[in-house]
Amino acid sequence: PELVSRVLTAISPQELRVFVDAVARAIER
């Protein structure tokens, strides 16, 4: 949770979701 908190001070939850989805897609490929 402290990591999520730190990240969410810089980007929105939606931006975090986009980032994580992009990483997941790259790993799948």
PDB file of all heavy atoms in Angstrom:
ATOM      1  N   PRO A   1       0.794  -1.227   0.000  1.00  0.00           N
ATOM      2  CA  PRO A   1       0.000   0.000   0.000  1.00  0.00           C
ATOM      3  C   PRO A   1       0.832   1.284   0.000  1.00  0.00           C
ATOM      4  O   PRO A   1       0.430   2.267  -0.610  1.00  0.00           O
ATOM      5  CB  PRO A   1      -0.854  -0.096   1.259  1.00  0.00           C
ATOM      6  CG  PRO A   1      -0.319  -1.220   2.045  1.00  0.00           C
ATOM      7  CD  PRO A   1       0.505  -2.073   1.144  1.00  0.00           C
ATOM      8  N   GLU A   2       2.014   1.264   0.634  1.00  0.00           N
ATOM      9  CA  GLU A   2       2.826   2.487   0.637  1.00  0.00           C
ATOM     10  C   GLU A   2       3.342   2.797  -0.762  1.00  0.00           C
ATOM     11  O   GLU A   2       3.475   3.961  -1.133  1.00  0.00           O
ATOM     12  CB  GLU A   2       3.972   2.427   1.657  1.00  0.00           C
ATOM     13  CG  GLU A   2       5.075   1.453   1.338  1.00  0.00           C
ATOM     14  CD  GLU A   2       4.802   0.013   1.776  1.00  0.00           C
ATOM     15  OE1 GLU A   2       3.755  -0.273   2.363  1.00  0.00           O
ATOM     16  OE2 GLU A   2       5.667  -0.829   1.514  1.00  0.00           O
ATOM     17  N   LEU A   3       3.598   1.770  -1.563  1.00  0.00           N
ATOM     18  CA  LEU A   3       4.017   1.983  -2.947  1.00  0.00           C
ATOM     19  C   LEU A   3       2.868   2.557  -3.761  1.00  0.00           C
ATOM     20  O   LEU A   3       3.043   3.520  -4.513  1.00  0.00           O
ATOM     21  CB  LEU A   3       4.515   0.678  -3.572  1.00  0.00           C
ATOM     22  CG  LEU A   3       4.895   0.750  -5.052  1.00  0.00           C
ATOM     23  CD1 LEU A   3       6.025   1.748  -5.265  1.00  0.00           C
ATOM     24  CD2 LEU A   3       5.278  -0.626  -5.565  1.00  0.00           C
ATOM     25  N   VAL A   4       1.683   1.984  -3.601  1.00  0.00           N
ATOM     26  CA  VAL A   4       0.508   2.502  -4.301  1.00  0.00           C
ATOM     27  C   VAL A   4       0.281   3.959  -3.923  1.00  0.00           C
ATOM     28  O   VAL A   4       0.037   4.809  -4.785  1.00  0.00           O
ATOM     29  CB  VAL A   4      -0.749   1.657  -3.987  1.00  0.00           C
ATOM     30  CG1 VAL A   4      -1.995   2.294  -4.580  1.00  0.00           C
ATOM     31  CG2 VAL A   4      -0.579   0.238  -4.504  1.00  0.00           C
ATOM     32  N   SER A   5       0.398   4.263  -2.658  1.00  0.00           N
ATOM     33  CA  SER A   5       0.206   5.636  -2.187  1.00  0.00           C
ATOM     34  C   SER A   5       1.199   6.587  -2.841  1.00  0.00           C
ATOM     35  O   SER A   5       0.826   7.660  -3.321  1.00  0.00           O
ATOM     36  CB  SER A   5       0.356   5.685  -0.666  1.00  0.00           C
ATOM     37  OG  SER A   5       0.296   7.005  -0.209  1.00  0.00           O
ATOM     38  N   ARG A   6       2.463   6.194  -2.886  1.00  0.00           N
ATOM     39  CA  ARG A   6       3.489   7.049  -3.488  1.00  0.00           C
ATOM     40  C   ARG A   6       3.244   7.246  -4.972  1.00  0.00           C
ATOM     41  O   ARG A   6       3.364   8.352  -5.497  1.00  0.00           O
ATOM     42  CB  ARG A   6       4.874   6.470  -3.243  1.00  0.00           C
ATOM     43  CG  ARG A   6       5.308   6.588  -1.785  1.00  0.00           C
ATOM     44  CD  ARG A   6       6.671   6.022  -1.512  1.00  0.00           C
ATOM     45  NE  ARG A   6       7.670   6.593  -2.397  1.00  0.00           N
ATOM     46  CZ  ARG A   6       8.741   5.929  -2.808  1.00  0.00           C
ATOM     47  NH1 ARG A   6       8.968   4.698  -2.425  1.00  0.00           N
ATOM     48  NH2 ARG A   6       9.606   6.506  -3.606  1.00  0.00           N
ATOM     49  N   VAL A   7       2.895   6.175  -5.661  1.00  0.00           N
ATOM     50  CA  VAL A   7       2.634   6.262  -7.097  1.00  0.00           C
ATOM     51  C   VAL A   7       1.435   7.160  -7.370  1.00  0.00           C
ATOM     52  O   VAL A   7       1.452   7.992  -8.279  1.00  0.00           O
ATOM     53  CB  VAL A   7       2.421   4.851  -7.695  1.00  0.00           C
ATOM     54  CG1 VAL A   7       1.864   4.927  -9.096  1.00  0.00           C
ATOM     55  CG2 VAL A   7       3.726   4.060  -7.681  1.00  0.00           C
ATOM     56  N   LEU A   8       0.378   7.025  -6.552  1.00  0.00           N
ATOM     57  CA  LEU A   8      -0.844   7.789  -6.789  1.00  0.00           C
ATOM     58  C   LEU A   8      -0.707   9.273  -6.440  1.00  0.00           C
ATOM     59  O   LEU A   8      -1.602  10.052  -6.747  1.00  0.00           O
ATOM     60  CB  LEU A   8      -2.018   7.167  -6.028  1.00  0.00           C
ATOM     61  CG  LEU A   8      -2.467   5.809  -6.558  1.00  0.00           C
ATOM     62  CD1 LEU A   8      -3.595   5.250  -5.703  1.00  0.00           C
ATOM     63  CD2 LEU A   8      -2.859   5.875  -8.023  1.00  0.00           C
ATOM     64  N   THR A   9       0.404   9.664  -5.851  1.00  0.00           N
ATOM     65  CA  THR A   9       0.630  11.098  -5.665  1.00  0.00           C
ATOM     66  C   THR A   9       1.139  11.729  -6.954  1.00  0.00           C
ATOM     67  O   THR A   9       1.094  12.940  -7.111  1.00  0.00           O
ATOM     68  CB  THR A   9       1.633  11.395  -4.527  1.00  0.00           C
ATOM     69  OG1 THR A   9       2.889  10.824  -4.851  1.00  0.00           O
ATOM     70  CG2 THR A   9       1.127  10.882  -3.186  1.00  0.00           C
ATOM     71  N   ALA A  10       1.621  10.883  -7.878  1.00  0.00           N
ATOM     72  CA  ALA A  10       2.171  11.396  -9.140  1.00  0.00           C
ATOM     73  C   ALA A  10       1.259  11.149 -10.331  1.00  0.00           C
ATOM     74  O   ALA A  10       1.249  11.934 -11.274  1.00  0.00           O
ATOM     75  CB  ALA A  10       3.538  10.762  -9.400  1.00  0.00           C
ATOM     76  N   ILE A  11       0.529  10.027 -10.322  1.00  0.00           N
ATOM     77  CA  ILE A  11      -0.352   9.701 -11.444  1.00  0.00           C
ATOM     78  C   ILE A  11      -1.719   9.288 -10.911  1.00  0.00           C
ATOM     79  O   ILE A  11      -1.853   8.960  -9.735  1.00  0.00           O
ATOM     80  CB  ILE A  11       0.241   8.580 -12.335  1.00  0.00           C
ATOM     81  CG1 ILE A  11       0.362   7.268 -11.558  1.00  0.00           C
ATOM     82  CG2 ILE A  11       1.562   9.004 -12.939  1.00  0.00           C
ATOM     83  CD1 ILE A  11       0.796   6.090 -12.413  1.00  0.00           C
ATOM     84  N   SER A  12      -2.698   9.283 -11.776  1.00  0.00           N
ATOM     85  CA  SER A  12      -4.061   8.916 -11.378  1.00  0.00           C
ATOM     86  C   SER A  12      -4.208   7.394 -11.337  1.00  0.00           C
ATOM     87  O   SER A  12      -3.415   6.672 -11.955  1.00  0.00           O
ATOM     88  CB  SER A  12      -5.066   9.500 -12.367  1.00  0.00           C
ATOM     89  OG  SER A  12      -5.001   8.812 -13.602  1.00  0.00           O
ATOM     90  N   PRO A  13      -5.235   6.882 -10.641  1.00  0.00           N
ATOM     91  CA  PRO A  13      -5.476   5.442 -10.658  1.00  0.00           C
ATOM     92  C   PRO A  13      -5.674   4.909 -12.075  1.00  0.00           C
ATOM     93  O   PRO A  13      -5.215   3.816 -12.397  1.00  0.00           O
ATOM     94  CB  PRO A  13      -6.760   5.288  -9.827  1.00  0.00           C
ATOM     95  CG  PRO A  13      -6.753   6.459  -8.905  1.00  0.00           C
ATOM     96  CD  PRO A  13      -6.140   7.576  -9.714  1.00  0.00           C
ATOM     97  N   GLN A  14      -6.328   5.676 -12.925  1.00  0.00           N
ATOM     98  CA  GLN A  14      -6.533   5.252 -14.311  1.00  0.00           C
ATOM     99  C   GLN A  14      -5.191   5.148 -15.043  1.00  0.00           C
ATOM    100  O   GLN A  14      -4.957   4.198 -15.791  1.00  0.00           O
ATOM    101  CB  GLN A  14      -7.451   6.225 -15.031  1.00  0.00           C
ATOM    102  CG  GLN A  14      -7.753   5.824 -16.454  1.00  0.00           C
ATOM    103  CD  GLN A  14      -8.664   6.816 -17.150  1.00  0.00           C
ATOM    104  OE1 GLN A  14      -8.843   7.935 -16.703  1.00  0.00           O
ATOM    105  NE2 GLN A  14      -9.233   6.392 -18.257  1.00  0.00           N
ATOM    106  N   GLU A  15      -4.300   6.102 -14.825  1.00  0.00           N
ATOM    107  CA  GLU A  15      -2.980   6.049 -15.460  1.00  0.00           C
ATOM    108  C   GLU A  15      -2.179   4.854 -14.957  1.00  0.00           C
ATOM    109  O   GLU A  15      -1.473   4.206 -15.731  1.00  0.00           O
ATOM    110  CB  GLU A  15      -2.215   7.343 -15.202  1.00  0.00           C
ATOM    111  CG  GLU A  15      -2.795   8.546 -15.925  1.00  0.00           C
ATOM    112  CD  GLU A  15      -2.214   9.867 -15.450  1.00  0.00           C
ATOM    113  OE1 GLU A  15      -1.963  10.026 -14.231  1.00  0.00           O
ATOM    114  OE2 GLU A  15      -2.005  10.743 -16.308  1.00  0.00           O
ATOM    115  N   LEU A  16      -2.293   4.539 -13.671  1.00  0.00           N
ATOM    116  CA  LEU A  16      -1.625   3.362 -13.118  1.00  0.00           C
ATOM    117  C   LEU A  16      -2.147   2.105 -13.794  1.00  0.00           C
ATOM    118  O   LEU A  16      -1.375   1.225 -14.177  1.00  0.00           O
ATOM    119  CB  LEU A  16      -1.823   3.280 -11.606  1.00  0.00           C
ATOM    120  CG  LEU A  16      -1.250   2.037 -10.923  1.00  0.00           C
ATOM    121  CD1 LEU A  16       0.256   1.926 -11.141  1.00  0.00           C
ATOM    122  CD2 LEU A  16      -1.595   2.049  -9.435  1.00  0.00           C
ATOM    123  N   ARG A  17      -3.461   2.028 -13.975  1.00  0.00           N
ATOM    124  CA  ARG A  17      -4.074   0.865 -14.621  1.00  0.00           C
ATOM    125  C   ARG A  17      -3.561   0.728 -16.063  1.00  0.00           C
ATOM    126  O   ARG A  17      -3.237  -0.370 -16.508  1.00  0.00           O
ATOM    127  CB  ARG A  17      -5.599   1.009 -14.592  1.00  0.00           C
ATOM    128  CG  ARG A  17      -6.331  -0.253 -14.928  1.00  0.00           C
ATOM    129  CD  ARG A  17      -7.821  -0.130 -14.660  1.00  0.00           C
ATOM    130  NE  ARG A  17      -8.105   0.300 -13.306  1.00  0.00           N
ATOM    131  CZ  ARG A  17      -8.643   1.478 -12.974  1.00  0.00           C
ATOM    132  NH1 ARG A  17      -8.977   2.342 -13.895  1.00  0.00           N
ATOM    133  NH2 ARG A  17      -8.868   1.788 -11.710  1.00  0.00           N
ATOM    134  N   VAL A  18      -3.477   1.833 -16.795  1.00  0.00           N
ATOM    135  CA  VAL A  18      -2.974   1.807 -18.178  1.00  0.00           C
ATOM    136  C   VAL A  18      -1.527   1.305 -18.193  1.00  0.00           C
ATOM    137  O   VAL A  18      -1.161   0.466 -19.017  1.00  0.00           O
ATOM    138  CB  VAL A  18      -3.087   3.203 -18.826  1.00  0.00           C
ATOM    139  CG1 VAL A  18      -2.311   3.277 -20.132  1.00  0.00           C
ATOM    140  CG2 VAL A  18      -4.548   3.572 -19.046  1.00  0.00           C
ATOM    141  N   PHE A  19      -0.726   1.803 -17.275  1.00  0.00           N
ATOM    142  CA  PHE A  19       0.682   1.400 -17.189  1.00  0.00           C
ATOM    143  C   PHE A  19       0.806  -0.091 -16.914  1.00  0.00           C
ATOM    144  O   PHE A  19       1.536  -0.808 -17.616  1.00  0.00           O
ATOM    145  CB  PHE A  19       1.395   2.215 -16.094  1.00  0.00           C
ATOM    146  CG  PHE A  19       2.803   1.777 -15.837  1.00  0.00           C
ATOM    147  CD1 PHE A  19       3.821   2.126 -16.709  1.00  0.00           C
ATOM    148  CD2 PHE A  19       3.110   1.010 -14.725  1.00  0.00           C
ATOM    149  CE1 PHE A  19       5.128   1.719 -16.473  1.00  0.00           C
ATOM    150  CE2 PHE A  19       4.412   0.591 -14.489  1.00  0.00           C
ATOM    151  CZ  PHE A  19       5.418   0.945 -15.363  1.00  0.00           C
ATOM    152  N   VAL A  20       0.090  -0.578 -15.911  1.00  0.00           N
ATOM    153  CA  VAL A  20       0.173  -1.989 -15.543  1.00  0.00           C
ATOM    154  C   VAL A  20      -0.329  -2.872 -16.683  1.00  0.00           C
ATOM    155  O   VAL A  20       0.271  -3.906 -16.991  1.00  0.00           O
ATOM    156  CB  VAL A  20      -0.607  -2.252 -14.227  1.00  0.00           C
ATOM    157  CG1 VAL A  20      -0.727  -3.739 -13.949  1.00  0.00           C
ATOM    158  CG2 VAL A  20       0.072  -1.539 -13.063  1.00  0.00           C
ATOM    159  N   ASP A  21      -1.422  -2.471 -17.336  1.00  0.00           N
ATOM    160  CA  ASP A  21      -1.937  -3.239 -18.472  1.00  0.00           C
ATOM    161  C   ASP A  21      -0.915  -3.300 -19.603  1.00  0.00           C
ATOM    162  O   ASP A  21      -0.742  -4.348 -20.238  1.00  0.00           O
ATOM    163  CB  ASP A  21      -3.251  -2.648 -18.991  1.00  0.00           C
ATOM    164  CG  ASP A  21      -4.430  -2.961 -18.090  1.00  0.00           C
ATOM    165  OD1 ASP A  21      -4.309  -3.846 -17.218  1.00  0.00           O
ATOM    166  OD2 ASP A  21      -5.486  -2.319 -18.263  1.00  0.00           O
ATOM    167  N   ALA A  22      -0.229  -2.201 -19.877  1.00  0.00           N
ATOM    168  CA  ALA A  22       0.781  -2.174 -20.941  1.00  0.00           C
ATOM    169  C   ALA A  22       1.936  -3.117 -20.615  1.00  0.00           C
ATOM    170  O   ALA A  22       2.428  -3.843 -21.494  1.00  0.00           O
ATOM    171  CB  ALA A  22       1.290  -0.752 -21.157  1.00  0.00           C
ATOM    172  N   VAL A  23       2.368  -3.137 -19.372  1.00  0.00           N
ATOM    173  CA  VAL A  23       3.450  -4.045 -18.965  1.00  0.00           C
ATOM    174  C   VAL A  23       2.980  -5.491 -19.116  1.00  0.00           C
ATOM    175  O   VAL A  23       3.707  -6.340 -19.642  1.00  0.00           O
ATOM    176  CB  VAL A  23       3.900  -3.745 -17.517  1.00  0.00           C
ATOM    177  CG1 VAL A  23       4.842  -4.823 -16.999  1.00  0.00           C
ATOM    178  CG2 VAL A  23       4.561  -2.369 -17.433  1.00  0.00           C
ATOM    179  N   ALA A  24       1.761  -5.774 -18.689  1.00  0.00           N
ATOM    180  CA  ALA A  24       1.230  -7.142 -18.804  1.00  0.00           C
ATOM    181  C   ALA A  24       1.170  -7.586 -20.259  1.00  0.00           C
ATOM    182  O   ALA A  24       1.551  -8.716 -20.592  1.00  0.00           O
ATOM    183  CB  ALA A  24      -0.153  -7.225 -18.166  1.00  0.00           C
ATOM    184  N   ARG A  25       0.700  -6.711 -21.136  1.00  0.00           N
ATOM    185  CA  ARG A  25       0.619  -7.046 -22.566  1.00  0.00           C
ATOM    186  C   ARG A  25       2.009  -7.315 -23.145  1.00  0.00           C
ATOM    187  O   ARG A  25       2.192  -8.248 -23.930  1.00  0.00           O
ATOM    188  CB  ARG A  25      -0.048  -5.919 -23.369  1.00  0.00           C
ATOM    189  CG  ARG A  25      -1.473  -5.611 -23.038  1.00  0.00           C
ATOM    190  CD  ARG A  25      -2.429  -6.568 -23.683  1.00  0.00           C
ATOM    191  NE  ARG A  25      -3.831  -6.380 -23.463  1.00  0.00           N
ATOM    192  CZ  ARG A  25      -4.472  -6.075 -22.354  1.00  0.00           C
ATOM    193  NH1 ARG A  25      -3.823  -5.824 -21.265  1.00  0.00           N
ATOM    194  NH2 ARG A  25      -5.784  -6.003 -22.294  1.00  0.00           N
ATOM    195  N   ALA A  26       2.985  -6.510 -22.766  1.00  0.00           N
ATOM    196  CA  ALA A  26       4.355  -6.705 -23.259  1.00  0.00           C
ATOM    197  C   ALA A  26       4.905  -8.052 -22.790  1.00  0.00           C
ATOM    198  O   ALA A  26       5.551  -8.772 -23.568  1.00  0.00           O
ATOM    199  CB  ALA A  26       5.253  -5.563 -22.786  1.00  0.00           C
ATOM    200  N   ILE A  27       4.635  -8.408 -21.556  1.00  0.00           N
ATOM    201  CA  ILE A  27       5.097  -9.700 -21.029  1.00  0.00           C
ATOM    202  C   ILE A  27       4.400 -10.848 -21.746  1.00  0.00           C
ATOM    203  O   ILE A  27       5.044 -11.831 -22.133  1.00  0.00           O
ATOM    204  CB  ILE A  27       4.871  -9.781 -19.505  1.00  0.00           C
ATOM    205  CG1 ILE A  27       5.792  -8.785 -18.798  1.00  0.00           C
ATOM    206  CG2 ILE A  27       5.080 -11.199 -18.993  1.00  0.00           C
ATOM    207  CD1 ILE A  27       5.487  -8.572 -17.337  1.00  0.00           C
ATOM    208  N   GLU A  28       3.096 -10.692 -21.992  1.00  0.00           N
ATOM    209  CA  GLU A  28       2.352 -11.748 -22.711  1.00  0.00           C
ATOM    210  C   GLU A  28       2.926 -11.948 -24.119  1.00  0.00           C
ATOM    211  O   GLU A  28       3.108 -13.076 -24.561  1.00  0.00           O
ATOM    212  CB  GLU A  28       0.865 -11.390 -22.787  1.00  0.00           C
ATOM    213  CG  GLU A  28       0.138 -11.551 -21.485  1.00  0.00           C
ATOM    214  CD  GLU A  28      -1.333 -11.201 -21.572  1.00  0.00           C
ATOM    215  OE1 GLU A  28      -1.640 -10.120 -22.126  1.00  0.00           O
ATOM    216  OE2 GLU A  28      -2.156 -11.994 -21.101  1.00  0.00           O
ATOM    217  N   ARG A  29       3.192 -10.839 -24.828  1.00  0.00           N
ATOM    218  CA  ARG A  29       3.762 -10.941 -26.169  1.00  0.00           C
ATOM    219  C   ARG A  29       5.135 -11.608 -26.145  1.00  0.00           C
ATOM    220  O   ARG A  29       5.449 -12.450 -26.973  1.00  0.00           O
ATOM    221  CB  ARG A  29       3.831  -9.569 -26.834  1.00  0.00           C
ATOM    222  CG  ARG A  29       2.487  -9.054 -27.328  1.00  0.00           C
ATOM    223  CD  ARG A  29       2.648  -7.825 -28.192  1.00  0.00           C
ATOM    224  NE  ARG A  29       3.272  -6.704 -27.509  1.00  0.00           N
ATOM    225  CZ  ARG A  29       2.630  -5.808 -26.771  1.00  0.00           C
ATOM    226  NH1 ARG A  29       1.321  -5.891 -26.628  1.00  0.00           N
ATOM    227  NH2 ARG A  29       3.284  -4.828 -26.183  1.00  0.00           N
TER     228      ARG A  29
END
